[in-house]
Amino acid sequence: MAGMPIEQFCRLCLKCDDWQAARRKVAEEVKHSAYHIIDYKGATSFAVGVALTQIAAVILRNQHGVLTVSSVLEGEYGLSGVSLVIPCILSRKGVEKVLQVALPPTSRAPW
């Protein structure tokens, strides 16, 4: 989250006595959010359209925006030739830069 470990982000942003419980609750709500959207709208395809619109706007307006998109790594995180969904700077040129954010060891374990 914003380039920092989720635990650090939660401590800063979740203003409550038990931020770990609040984090678990948010994680559960996100995990099941697609089912709620399907119940209300009948599909989740609108989210894909919104994401595509945001990506296209950043590219067409040459905004150099930071968005999480799939990109082929060229040495980032010690990987090459692998496509991962990762924060990148997008512009008219497409992916200008892959942002290397700090990942906890558990996220890198299989690598």
PDB file of N, CA and C in Angstrom:
ATOM      1  N   MET A   1       0.853  -1.174   0.000  1.00  0.00           N
ATOM      2  CA  MET A   1       0.000   0.000   0.000  1.00  0.00           C
ATOM      3  C   MET A   1       0.888   1.222   0.000  1.00  0.00           C
ATOM      4  N   ALA A   2       0.834   1.985  -1.086  1.00  0.00           N
ATOM      5  CA  ALA A   2       1.629   3.204  -1.202  1.00  0.00           C
ATOM      6  C   ALA A   2       3.107   2.929  -0.973  1.00  0.00           C
ATOM      7  N   GLY A   3       3.575   1.740  -1.360  1.00  0.00           N
ATOM      8  CA  GLY A   3       4.986   1.411  -1.239  1.00  0.00           C
ATOM      9  C   GLY A   3       5.439   0.972   0.142  1.00  0.00           C
ATOM     10  N   MET A   4       4.502   0.749   1.041  1.00  0.00           N
ATOM     11  CA  MET A   4       4.892   0.301   2.377  1.00  0.00           C
ATOM     12  C   MET A   4       4.166  -0.990   2.718  1.00  0.00           C
ATOM     13  N   PRO A   5       4.734  -1.772   3.630  1.00  0.00           N
ATOM     14  CA  PRO A   5       4.072  -3.020   4.035  1.00  0.00           C
ATOM     15  C   PRO A   5       2.667  -2.738   4.570  1.00  0.00           C
ATOM     16  N   ILE A   6       1.738  -3.646   4.292  1.00  0.00           N
ATOM     17  CA  ILE A   6       0.333  -3.452   4.688  1.00  0.00           C
ATOM     18  C   ILE A   6       0.196  -3.253   6.188  1.00  0.00           C
ATOM     19  N   GLU A   7       1.019  -3.939   6.976  1.00  0.00           N
ATOM     20  CA  GLU A   7       0.933  -3.786   8.427  1.00  0.00           C
ATOM     21  C   GLU A   7       1.257  -2.351   8.853  1.00  0.00           C
ATOM     22  N   GLN A   8       2.274  -1.779   8.237  1.00  0.00           N
ATOM     23  CA  GLN A   8       2.649  -0.394   8.551  1.00  0.00           C
ATOM     24  C   GLN A   8       1.552   0.562   8.097  1.00  0.00           C
ATOM     25  N   PHE A   9       1.011   0.332   6.906  1.00  0.00           N
ATOM     26  CA  PHE A   9      -0.051   1.183   6.370  1.00  0.00           C
ATOM     27  C   PHE A   9      -1.275   1.143   7.276  1.00  0.00           C
ATOM     28  N   CYS A  10      -1.658  -0.060   7.702  1.00  0.00           N
ATOM     29  CA  CYS A  10      -2.842  -0.203   8.556  1.00  0.00           C
ATOM     30  C   CYS A  10      -2.670   0.529   9.881  1.00  0.00           C
ATOM     31  N   ARG A  11      -1.486   0.417  10.473  1.00  0.00           N
ATOM     32  CA  ARG A  11      -1.259   1.116  11.741  1.00  0.00           C
ATOM     33  C   ARG A  11      -1.410   2.621  11.583  1.00  0.00           C
ATOM     34  N   LEU A  12      -1.015   3.140  10.416  1.00  0.00           N
ATOM     35  CA  LEU A  12      -1.110   4.582  10.173  1.00  0.00           C
ATOM     36  C   LEU A  12      -2.523   5.035   9.840  1.00  0.00           C
ATOM     37  N   CYS A  13      -3.234   4.222   9.068  1.00  0.00           N
ATOM     38  CA  CYS A  13      -4.507   4.677   8.499  1.00  0.00           C
ATOM     39  C   CYS A  13      -5.755   4.187   9.217  1.00  0.00           C
ATOM     40  N   LEU A  14      -5.695   3.045   9.851  1.00  0.00           N
ATOM     41  CA  LEU A  14      -6.869   2.536  10.553  1.00  0.00           C
ATOM     42  C   LEU A  14      -6.827   3.040  11.984  1.00  0.00           C
ATOM     43  N   LYS A  15      -7.542   4.106  12.233  1.00  0.00           N
ATOM     44  CA  LYS A  15      -7.534   4.745  13.554  1.00  0.00           C
ATOM     45  C   LYS A  15      -8.497   4.014  14.478  1.00  0.00           C
ATOM     46  N   CYS A  16      -8.031   2.913  15.032  1.00  0.00           N
ATOM     47  CA  CYS A  16      -8.863   2.145  15.946  1.00  0.00           C
ATOM     48  C   CYS A  16      -7.970   1.436  16.950  1.00  0.00           C
ATOM     49  N   ASP A  17      -8.564   0.905  17.988  1.00  0.00           N
ATOM     50  CA  ASP A  17      -7.801   0.233  19.033  1.00  0.00           C
ATOM     51  C   ASP A  17      -7.189  -1.079  18.542  1.00  0.00           C
ATOM     52  N   ASP A  18      -7.925  -1.818  17.721  1.00  0.00           N
ATOM     53  CA  ASP A  18      -7.453  -3.120  17.253  1.00  0.00           C
ATOM     54  C   ASP A  18      -7.351  -3.106  15.735  1.00  0.00           C
ATOM     55  N   TRP A  19      -6.265  -2.518  15.209  1.00  0.00           N
ATOM     56  CA  TRP A  19      -6.129  -2.386  13.755  1.00  0.00           C
ATOM     57  C   TRP A  19      -5.998  -3.741  13.073  1.00  0.00           C
ATOM     58  N   GLN A  20      -5.470  -4.745  13.790  1.00  0.00           N
ATOM     59  CA  GLN A  20      -5.346  -6.072  13.179  1.00  0.00           C
ATOM     60  C   GLN A  20      -6.718  -6.695  12.923  1.00  0.00           C
ATOM     61  N   ALA A  21      -7.654  -6.525  13.845  1.00  0.00           N
ATOM     62  CA  ALA A  21      -9.018  -7.029  13.640  1.00  0.00           C
ATOM     63  C   ALA A  21      -9.690  -6.262  12.513  1.00  0.00           C
ATOM     64  N   ALA A  22      -9.475  -4.954  12.480  1.00  0.00           N
ATOM     65  CA  ALA A  22     -10.054  -4.142  11.402  1.00  0.00           C
ATOM     66  C   ALA A  22      -9.490  -4.573  10.054  1.00  0.00           C
ATOM     67  N   ARG A  23      -8.200  -4.872  10.003  1.00  0.00           N
ATOM     68  CA  ARG A  23      -7.564  -5.320   8.759  1.00  0.00           C
ATOM     69  C   ARG A  23      -8.162  -6.648   8.305  1.00  0.00           C
ATOM     70  N   ARG A  24      -8.350  -7.573   9.252  1.00  0.00           N
ATOM     71  CA  ARG A  24      -8.963  -8.871   8.902  1.00  0.00           C
ATOM     72  C   ARG A  24     -10.374  -8.677   8.351  1.00  0.00           C
ATOM     73  N   LYS A  25     -11.132  -7.767   8.964  1.00  0.00           N
ATOM     74  CA  LYS A  25     -12.501  -7.497   8.512  1.00  0.00           C
ATOM     75  C   LYS A  25     -12.498  -6.930   7.087  1.00  0.00           C
ATOM     76  N   VAL A  26     -11.612  -5.986   6.821  1.00  0.00           N
ATOM     77  CA  VAL A  26     -11.505  -5.404   5.477  1.00  0.00           C
ATOM     78  C   VAL A  26     -11.118  -6.477   4.476  1.00  0.00           C
ATOM     79  N   ALA A  27     -10.159  -7.335   4.827  1.00  0.00           N
ATOM     80  CA  ALA A  27      -9.720  -8.400   3.927  1.00  0.00           C
ATOM     81  C   ALA A  27     -10.879  -9.342   3.589  1.00  0.00           C
ATOM     82  N   GLU A  28     -11.689  -9.690   4.578  1.00  0.00           N
ATOM     83  CA  GLU A  28     -12.841 -10.558   4.334  1.00  0.00           C
ATOM     84  C   GLU A  28     -13.867  -9.881   3.440  1.00  0.00           C
ATOM     85  N   GLU A  29     -14.117  -8.597   3.677  1.00  0.00           N
ATOM     86  CA  GLU A  29     -15.085  -7.864   2.859  1.00  0.00           C
ATOM     87  C   GLU A  29     -14.618  -7.780   1.406  1.00  0.00           C
ATOM     88  N   VAL A  30     -13.340  -7.540   1.199  1.00  0.00           N
ATOM     89  CA  VAL A  30     -12.807  -7.471  -0.165  1.00  0.00           C
ATOM     90  C   VAL A  30     -12.898  -8.833  -0.830  1.00  0.00           C
ATOM     91  N   LYS A  31     -12.573  -9.881  -0.080  1.00  0.00           N
ATOM     92  CA  LYS A  31     -12.597 -11.241  -0.621  1.00  0.00           C
ATOM     93  C   LYS A  31     -13.984 -11.617  -1.129  1.00  0.00           C
ATOM     94  N   HIS A  32     -15.017 -11.122  -0.456  1.00  0.00           N
ATOM     95  CA  HIS A  32     -16.388 -11.494  -0.811  1.00  0.00           C
ATOM     96  C   HIS A  32     -17.130 -10.391  -1.571  1.00  0.00           C
ATOM     97  N   SER A  33     -16.455  -9.317  -1.923  1.00  0.00           N
ATOM     98  CA  SER A  33     -17.127  -8.175  -2.560  1.00  0.00           C
ATOM     99  C   SER A  33     -17.720  -8.532  -3.923  1.00  0.00           C
ATOM    100  N   ALA A  34     -17.066  -9.410  -4.673  1.00  0.00           N
ATOM    101  CA  ALA A  34     -17.598  -9.776  -5.993  1.00  0.00           C
ATOM    102  C   ALA A  34     -18.986 -10.382  -5.872  1.00  0.00           C
ATOM    103  N   TYR A  35     -19.211 -11.174  -4.832  1.00  0.00           N
ATOM    104  CA  TYR A  35     -20.524 -11.799  -4.648  1.00  0.00           C
ATOM    105  C   TYR A  35     -21.597 -10.745  -4.371  1.00  0.00           C
ATOM    106  N   HIS A  36     -21.233  -9.712  -3.611  1.00  0.00           N
ATOM    107  CA  HIS A  36     -22.191  -8.630  -3.333  1.00  0.00           C
ATOM    108  C   HIS A  36     -22.506  -7.848  -4.609  1.00  0.00           C
ATOM    109  N   ILE A  37     -21.489  -7.604  -5.414  1.00  0.00           N
ATOM    110  CA  ILE A  37     -21.708  -6.888  -6.681  1.00  0.00           C
ATOM    111  C   ILE A  37     -22.615  -7.707  -7.586  1.00  0.00           C
ATOM    112  N   ILE A  38     -22.370  -9.001  -7.670  1.00  0.00           N
ATOM    113  CA  ILE A  38     -23.206  -9.868  -8.508  1.00  0.00           C
ATOM    114  C   ILE A  38     -24.643  -9.865  -7.993  1.00  0.00           C
ATOM    115  N   ASP A  39     -24.820  -9.898  -6.677  1.00  0.00           N
ATOM    116  CA  ASP A  39     -26.170  -9.854  -6.101  1.00  0.00           C
ATOM    117  C   ASP A  39     -26.897  -8.568  -6.494  1.00  0.00           C
ATOM    118  N   TYR A  40     -26.188  -7.448  -6.483  1.00  0.00           N
ATOM    119  CA  TYR A  40     -26.826  -6.158  -6.774  1.00  0.00           C
ATOM    120  C   TYR A  40     -26.982  -5.889  -8.268  1.00  0.00           C
ATOM    121  N   LYS A  41     -25.941  -6.195  -9.044  1.00  0.00           N
ATOM    122  CA  LYS A  41     -25.941  -5.824 -10.461  1.00  0.00           C
ATOM    123  C   LYS A  41     -26.076  -6.997 -11.412  1.00  0.00           C
ATOM    124  N   GLY A  42     -25.830  -8.195 -10.921  1.00  0.00           N
ATOM    125  CA  GLY A  42     -25.913  -9.368 -11.787  1.00  0.00           C
ATOM    126  C   GLY A  42     -24.598  -9.718 -12.458  1.00  0.00           C
ATOM    127  N   ALA A  43     -23.556  -8.884 -12.309  1.00  0.00           N
ATOM    128  CA  ALA A  43     -22.253  -9.160 -12.924  1.00  0.00           C
ATOM    129  C   ALA A  43     -21.198  -8.254 -12.307  1.00  0.00           C
ATOM    130  N   THR A  44     -19.940  -8.597 -12.551  1.00  0.00           N
ATOM    131  CA  THR A  44     -18.834  -7.757 -12.081  1.00  0.00           C
ATOM    132  C   THR A  44     -18.090  -7.118 -13.246  1.00  0.00           C
ATOM    133  N   SER A  45     -18.629  -7.234 -14.441  1.00  0.00           N
ATOM    134  CA  SER A  45     -17.923  -6.744 -15.636  1.00  0.00           C
ATOM    135  C   SER A  45     -17.745  -5.231 -15.650  1.00  0.00           C
ATOM    136  N   PHE A  46     -18.544  -4.495 -14.883  1.00  0.00           N
ATOM    137  CA  PHE A  46     -18.407  -3.042 -14.871  1.00  0.00           C
ATOM    138  C   PHE A  46     -17.050  -2.617 -14.310  1.00  0.00           C
ATOM    139  N   ALA A  47     -16.534  -3.343 -13.325  1.00  0.00           N
ATOM    140  CA  ALA A  47     -15.241  -3.008 -12.729  1.00  0.00           C
ATOM    141  C   ALA A  47     -14.125  -3.109 -13.763  1.00  0.00           C
ATOM    142  N   VAL A  48     -14.201  -4.096 -14.631  1.00  0.00           N
ATOM    143  CA  VAL A  48     -13.199  -4.251 -15.678  1.00  0.00           C
ATOM    144  C   VAL A  48     -13.259  -3.044 -16.618  1.00  0.00           C
ATOM    145  N   GLY A  49     -14.453  -2.605 -16.955  1.00  0.00           N
ATOM    146  CA  GLY A  49     -14.616  -1.437 -17.822  1.00  0.00           C
ATOM    147  C   GLY A  49     -14.067  -0.167 -17.197  1.00  0.00           C
ATOM    148  N   VAL A  50     -14.304   0.006 -15.907  1.00  0.00           N
ATOM    149  CA  VAL A  50     -13.796   1.180 -15.198  1.00  0.00           C
ATOM    150  C   VAL A  50     -12.269   1.169 -15.191  1.00  0.00           C
ATOM    151  N   ALA A  51     -11.668   0.011 -14.909  1.00  0.00           N
ATOM    152  CA  ALA A  51     -10.208  -0.097 -14.892  1.00  0.00           C
ATOM    153  C   ALA A  51      -9.631   0.205 -16.268  1.00  0.00           C
ATOM    154  N   LEU A  52     -10.245  -0.336 -17.311  1.00  0.00           N
ATOM    155  CA  LEU A  52      -9.779  -0.085 -18.674  1.00  0.00           C
ATOM    156  C   LEU A  52      -9.877   1.393 -19.022  1.00  0.00           C
ATOM    157  N   THR A  53     -10.954   2.041 -18.604  1.00  0.00           N
ATOM    158  CA  THR A  53     -11.125   3.475 -18.852  1.00  0.00           C
ATOM    159  C   THR A  53     -10.019   4.279 -18.170  1.00  0.00           C
ATOM    160  N   GLN A  54      -9.681   3.927 -16.936  1.00  0.00           N
ATOM    161  CA  GLN A  54      -8.613   4.632 -16.219  1.00  0.00           C
ATOM    162  C   GLN A  54      -7.266   4.444 -16.905  1.00  0.00           C
ATOM    163  N   ILE A  55      -6.956   3.228 -17.306  1.00  0.00           N
ATOM    164  CA  ILE A  55      -5.688   2.956 -17.987  1.00  0.00           C
ATOM    165  C   ILE A  55      -5.618   3.720 -19.299  1.00  0.00           C
ATOM    166  N   ALA A  56      -6.684   3.673 -20.085  1.00  0.00           N
ATOM    167  CA  ALA A  56      -6.705   4.374 -21.370  1.00  0.00           C
ATOM    168  C   ALA A  56      -6.557   5.881 -21.183  1.00  0.00           C
ATOM    169  N   ALA A  57      -7.221   6.447 -20.186  1.00  0.00           N
ATOM    170  CA  ALA A  57      -7.136   7.892 -19.941  1.00  0.00           C
ATOM    171  C   ALA A  57      -5.713   8.306 -19.596  1.00  0.00           C
ATOM    172  N   VAL A  58      -5.046   7.534 -18.743  1.00  0.00           N
ATOM    173  CA  VAL A  58      -3.661   7.866 -18.366  1.00  0.00           C
ATOM    174  C   VAL A  58      -2.753   7.823 -19.584  1.00  0.00           C
ATOM    175  N   ILE A  59      -2.926   6.810 -20.435  1.00  0.00           N
ATOM    176  CA  ILE A  59      -2.089   6.688 -21.633  1.00  0.00           C
ATOM    177  C   ILE A  59      -2.399   7.790 -22.638  1.00  0.00           C
ATOM    178  N   LEU A  60      -3.677   7.998 -22.948  1.00  0.00           N
ATOM    179  CA  LEU A  60      -4.053   8.991 -23.951  1.00  0.00           C
ATOM    180  C   LEU A  60      -3.704  10.416 -23.539  1.00  0.00           C
ATOM    181  N   ARG A  61      -3.787  10.705 -22.252  1.00  0.00           N
ATOM    182  CA  ARG A  61      -3.475  12.053 -21.749  1.00  0.00           C
ATOM    183  C   ARG A  61      -2.017  12.204 -21.349  1.00  0.00           C
ATOM    184  N   ASN A  62      -1.233  11.134 -21.548  1.00  0.00           N
ATOM    185  CA  ASN A  62       0.192  11.152 -21.222  1.00  0.00           C
ATOM    186  C   ASN A  62       0.424  11.640 -19.789  1.00  0.00           C
ATOM    187  N   GLN A  63      -0.340  11.082 -18.849  1.00  0.00           N
ATOM    188  CA  GLN A  63      -0.355  11.590 -17.483  1.00  0.00           C
ATOM    189  C   GLN A  63       0.775  11.061 -16.599  1.00  0.00           C
ATOM    190  N   HIS A  64       1.516  10.082 -17.049  1.00  0.00           N
ATOM    191  CA  HIS A  64       2.568   9.494 -16.215  1.00  0.00           C
ATOM    192  C   HIS A  64       1.989   9.072 -14.865  1.00  0.00           C
ATOM    193  N   GLY A  65       0.856   8.389 -14.913  1.00  0.00           N
ATOM    194  CA  GLY A  65       0.174   7.950 -13.706  1.00  0.00           C
ATOM    195  C   GLY A  65       0.699   6.619 -13.214  1.00  0.00           C
ATOM    196  N   VAL A  66       0.557   6.403 -11.927  1.00  0.00           N
ATOM    197  CA  VAL A  66       0.951   5.124 -11.327  1.00  0.00           C
ATOM    198  C   VAL A  66      -0.291   4.249 -11.236  1.00  0.00           C
ATOM    199  N   LEU A  67      -0.268   3.152 -11.971  1.00  0.00           N
ATOM    200  CA  LEU A  67      -1.367   2.191 -11.966  1.00  0.00           C
ATOM    201  C   LEU A  67      -0.797   0.784 -11.855  1.00  0.00           C
ATOM    202  N   THR A  68      -1.569  -0.100 -11.295  1.00  0.00           N
ATOM    203  CA  THR A  68      -1.149  -1.491 -11.178  1.00  0.00           C
ATOM    204  C   THR A  68      -1.608  -2.225 -12.429  1.00  0.00           C
ATOM    205  N   VAL A  69      -0.637  -2.622 -13.253  1.00  0.00           N
ATOM    206  CA  VAL A  69      -0.927  -3.300 -14.524  1.00  0.00           C
ATOM    207  C   VAL A  69       0.045  -4.465 -14.703  1.00  0.00           C
ATOM    208  N   SER A  70      -0.265  -5.338 -15.631  1.00  0.00           N
ATOM    209  CA  SER A  70       0.623  -6.445 -15.944  1.00  0.00           C
ATOM    210  C   SER A  70       1.759  -5.948 -16.820  1.00  0.00           C
ATOM    211  N   SER A  71       2.971  -6.314 -16.458  1.00  0.00           N
ATOM    212  CA  SER A  71       4.138  -5.892 -17.222  1.00  0.00           C
ATOM    213  C   SER A  71       5.201  -6.974 -17.172  1.00  0.00           C
ATOM    214  N   VAL A  72       5.942  -7.133 -18.264  1.00  0.00           N
ATOM    215  CA  VAL A  72       7.033  -8.104 -18.304  1.00  0.00           C
ATOM    216  C   VAL A  72       8.229  -7.497 -17.583  1.00  0.00           C
ATOM    217  N   LEU A  73       8.730  -8.209 -16.595  1.00  0.00           N
ATOM    218  CA  LEU A  73       9.862  -7.718 -15.812  1.00  0.00           C
ATOM    219  C   LEU A  73      11.162  -7.917 -16.573  1.00  0.00           C
ATOM    220  N   GLU A  74      12.054  -6.958 -16.418  1.00  0.00           N
ATOM    221  CA  GLU A  74      13.372  -7.008 -17.059  1.00  0.00           C
ATOM    222  C   GLU A  74      14.435  -6.774 -15.999  1.00  0.00           C
ATOM    223  N   GLY A  75      14.477  -7.653 -15.021  1.00  0.00           N
ATOM    224  CA  GLY A  75      15.465  -7.557 -13.959  1.00  0.00           C
ATOM    225  C   GLY A  75      14.900  -7.087 -12.627  1.00  0.00           C
ATOM    226  N   GLU A  76      13.716  -6.472 -12.629  1.00  0.00           N
ATOM    227  CA  GLU A  76      13.105  -6.040 -11.379  1.00  0.00           C
ATOM    228  C   GLU A  76      12.842  -7.270 -10.512  1.00  0.00           C
ATOM    229  N   TYR A  77      13.061  -7.112  -9.222  1.00  0.00           N
ATOM    230  CA  TYR A  77      12.878  -8.200  -8.260  1.00  0.00           C
ATOM    231  C   TYR A  77      13.722  -9.419  -8.609  1.00  0.00           C
ATOM    232  N   GLY A  78      14.750  -9.231  -9.430  1.00  0.00           N
ATOM    233  CA  GLY A  78      15.612 -10.345  -9.823  1.00  0.00           C
ATOM    234  C   GLY A  78      14.965 -11.277 -10.835  1.00  0.00           C
ATOM    235  N   LEU A  79      13.910 -10.815 -11.506  1.00  0.00           N
ATOM    236  CA  LEU A  79      13.190 -11.647 -12.476  1.00  0.00           C
ATOM    237  C   LEU A  79      13.254 -11.025 -13.862  1.00  0.00           C
ATOM    238  N   SER A  80      13.284 -11.868 -14.875  1.00  0.00           N
ATOM    239  CA  SER A  80      13.248 -11.406 -16.268  1.00  0.00           C
ATOM    240  C   SER A  80      12.359 -12.337 -17.076  1.00  0.00           C
ATOM    241  N   GLY A  81      11.638 -11.749 -18.021  1.00  0.00           N
ATOM    242  CA  GLY A  81      10.791 -12.536 -18.899  1.00  0.00           C
ATOM    243  C   GLY A  81       9.542 -13.074 -18.237  1.00  0.00           C
ATOM    244  N   VAL A  82       9.202 -12.536 -17.069  1.00  0.00           N
ATOM    245  CA  VAL A  82       8.012 -12.962 -16.336  1.00  0.00           C
ATOM    246  C   VAL A  82       7.064 -11.778 -16.263  1.00  0.00           C
ATOM    247  N   SER A  83       5.804 -12.008 -16.521  1.00  0.00           N
ATOM    248  CA  SER A  83       4.814 -10.944 -16.438  1.00  0.00           C
ATOM    249  C   SER A  83       4.107 -10.999 -15.096  1.00  0.00           C
ATOM    250  N   LEU A  84       4.136  -9.880 -14.375  1.00  0.00           N
ATOM    251  CA  LEU A  84       3.453  -9.768 -13.093  1.00  0.00           C
ATOM    252  C   LEU A  84       2.605  -8.505 -13.073  1.00  0.00           C
ATOM    253  N   VAL A  85       1.552  -8.529 -12.290  1.00  0.00           N
ATOM    254  CA  VAL A  85       0.751  -7.335 -12.063  1.00  0.00           C
ATOM    255  C   VAL A  85       1.442  -6.564 -10.952  1.00  0.00           C
ATOM    256  N   ILE A  86       1.898  -5.362 -11.287  1.00  0.00           N
ATOM    257  CA  ILE A  86       2.771  -4.603 -10.394  1.00  0.00           C
ATOM    258  C   ILE A  86       2.564  -3.106 -10.642  1.00  0.00           C
ATOM    259  N   PRO A  87       2.799  -2.252  -9.651  1.00  0.00           N
ATOM    260  CA  PRO A  87       2.654  -0.813  -9.897  1.00  0.00           C
ATOM    261  C   PRO A  87       3.660  -0.331 -10.947  1.00  0.00           C
ATOM    262  N   CYS A  88       3.157   0.409 -11.912  1.00  0.00           N
ATOM    263  CA  CYS A  88       4.003   0.927 -12.997  1.00  0.00           C
ATOM    264  C   CYS A  88       3.630   2.383 -13.281  1.00  0.00           C
ATOM    265  N   ILE A  89       4.580   3.100 -13.865  1.00  0.00           N
ATOM    266  CA  ILE A  89       4.289   4.447 -14.364  1.00  0.00           C
ATOM    267  C   ILE A  89       3.891   4.291 -15.820  1.00  0.00           C
ATOM    268  N   LEU A  90       2.663   4.743 -16.144  1.00  0.00           N
ATOM    269  CA  LEU A  90       2.147   4.667 -17.513  1.00  0.00           C
ATOM    270  C   LEU A  90       2.129   6.042 -18.144  1.00  0.00           C
ATOM    271  N   SER A  91       2.400   6.068 -19.437  1.00  0.00           N
ATOM    272  CA  SER A  91       2.317   7.300 -20.213  1.00  0.00           C
ATOM    273  C   SER A  91       1.923   6.932 -21.632  1.00  0.00           C
ATOM    274  N   ARG A  92       2.068   7.875 -22.513  1.00  0.00           N
ATOM    275  CA  ARG A  92       1.774   7.648 -23.928  1.00  0.00           C
ATOM    276  C   ARG A  92       2.628   6.504 -24.481  1.00  0.00           C
ATOM    277  N   LYS A  93       3.791   6.273 -23.888  1.00  0.00           N
ATOM    278  CA  LYS A  93       4.696   5.209 -24.333  1.00  0.00           C
ATOM    279  C   LYS A  93       4.318   3.841 -23.773  1.00  0.00           C
ATOM    280  N   GLY A  94       3.287   3.791 -22.930  1.00  0.00           N
ATOM    281  CA  GLY A  94       2.912   2.551 -22.259  1.00  0.00           C
ATOM    282  C   GLY A  94       3.581   2.492 -20.898  1.00  0.00           C
ATOM    283  N   VAL A  95       4.105   1.335 -20.524  1.00  0.00           N
ATOM    284  CA  VAL A  95       4.791   1.206 -19.239  1.00  0.00           C
ATOM    285  C   VAL A  95       6.157   1.867 -19.370  1.00  0.00           C
ATOM    286  N   GLU A  96       6.338   2.979 -18.671  1.00  0.00           N
ATOM    287  CA  GLU A  96       7.633   3.665 -18.695  1.00  0.00           C
ATOM    288  C   GLU A  96       8.577   3.111 -17.655  1.00  0.00           C
ATOM    289  N   LYS A  97       8.023   2.732 -16.508  1.00  0.00           N
ATOM    290  CA  LYS A  97       8.876   2.248 -15.437  1.00  0.00           C
ATOM    291  C   LYS A  97       8.078   1.322 -14.534  1.00  0.00           C
ATOM    292  N   VAL A  98       8.690   0.216 -14.181  1.00  0.00           N
ATOM    293  CA  VAL A  98       8.120  -0.692 -13.188  1.00  0.00           C
ATOM    294  C   VAL A  98       8.618  -0.205 -11.831  1.00  0.00           C
ATOM    295  N   LEU A  99       7.705   0.023 -10.909  1.00  0.00           N
ATOM    296  CA  LEU A  99       8.083   0.495  -9.586  1.00  0.00           C
ATOM    297  C   LEU A  99       8.365  -0.690  -8.685  1.00  0.00           C
ATOM    298  N   GLN A 100       9.547  -0.730  -8.129  1.00  0.00           N
ATOM    299  CA  GLN A 100       9.902  -1.798  -7.203  1.00  0.00           C
ATOM    300  C   GLN A 100       9.527  -1.362  -5.801  1.00  0.00           C
ATOM    301  N   VAL A 101       8.467  -1.936  -5.290  1.00  0.00           N
ATOM    302  CA  VAL A 101       8.023  -1.620  -3.937  1.00  0.00           C
ATOM    303  C   VAL A 101       8.541  -2.695  -2.992  1.00  0.00           C
ATOM    304  N   ALA A 102       8.651  -2.352  -1.720  1.00  0.00           N
ATOM    305  CA  ALA A 102       9.131  -3.319  -0.739  1.00  0.00           C
ATOM    306  C   ALA A 102       8.098  -4.426  -0.561  1.00  0.00           C
ATOM    307  N   LEU A 103       8.532  -5.646  -0.737  1.00  0.00           N
ATOM    308  CA  LEU A 103       7.653  -6.800  -0.561  1.00  0.00           C
ATOM    309  C   LEU A 103       8.096  -7.584   0.659  1.00  0.00           C
ATOM    310  N   PRO A 104       7.135  -8.053   1.453  1.00  0.00           N
ATOM    311  CA  PRO A 104       7.524  -8.881   2.601  1.00  0.00           C
ATOM    312  C   PRO A 104       8.103 -10.203   2.094  1.00  0.00           C
ATOM    313  N   PRO A 105       8.966 -10.828   2.879  1.00  0.00           N
ATOM    314  CA  PRO A 105       9.593 -12.091   2.442  1.00  0.00           C
ATOM    315  C   PRO A 105       8.592 -13.159   2.019  1.00  0.00           C
ATOM    316  N   THR A 106       7.414 -13.194   2.639  1.00  0.00           N
ATOM    317  CA  THR A 106       6.424 -14.221   2.279  1.00  0.00           C
ATOM    318  C   THR A 106       5.908 -14.031   0.859  1.00  0.00           C
ATOM    319  N   SER A 107       5.902 -12.790   0.348  1.00  0.00           N
ATOM    320  CA  SER A 107       5.452 -12.536  -1.013  1.00  0.00           C
ATOM    321  C   SER A 107       6.489 -12.957  -2.042  1.00  0.00           C
ATOM    322  N   ARG A 108       7.749 -13.031  -1.631  1.00  0.00           N
ATOM    323  CA  ARG A 108       8.820 -13.390  -2.550  1.00  0.00           C
ATOM    324  C   ARG A 108       9.278 -14.836  -2.378  1.00  0.00           C
ATOM    325  N   ALA A 109       8.711 -15.555  -1.417  1.00  0.00           N
ATOM    326  CA  ALA A 109       9.189 -16.899  -1.078  1.00  0.00           C
ATOM    327  C   ALA A 109       9.302 -17.834  -2.290  1.00  0.00           C
ATOM    328  N   PRO A 110       8.288 -17.918  -3.189  1.00  0.00           N
ATOM    329  CA  PRO A 110       8.395 -18.865  -4.293  1.00  0.00           C
ATOM    330  C   PRO A 110       9.466 -18.473  -5.316  1.00  0.00           C
ATOM    331  N   TRP A 111       9.922 -17.231  -5.291  1.00  0.00           N
ATOM    332  CA  TRP A 111      10.882 -16.770  -6.299  1.00  0.00           C
ATOM    333  C   TRP A 111      12.250 -17.263  -5.932  1.00  0.00           C
TER     334      TRP A 111
END
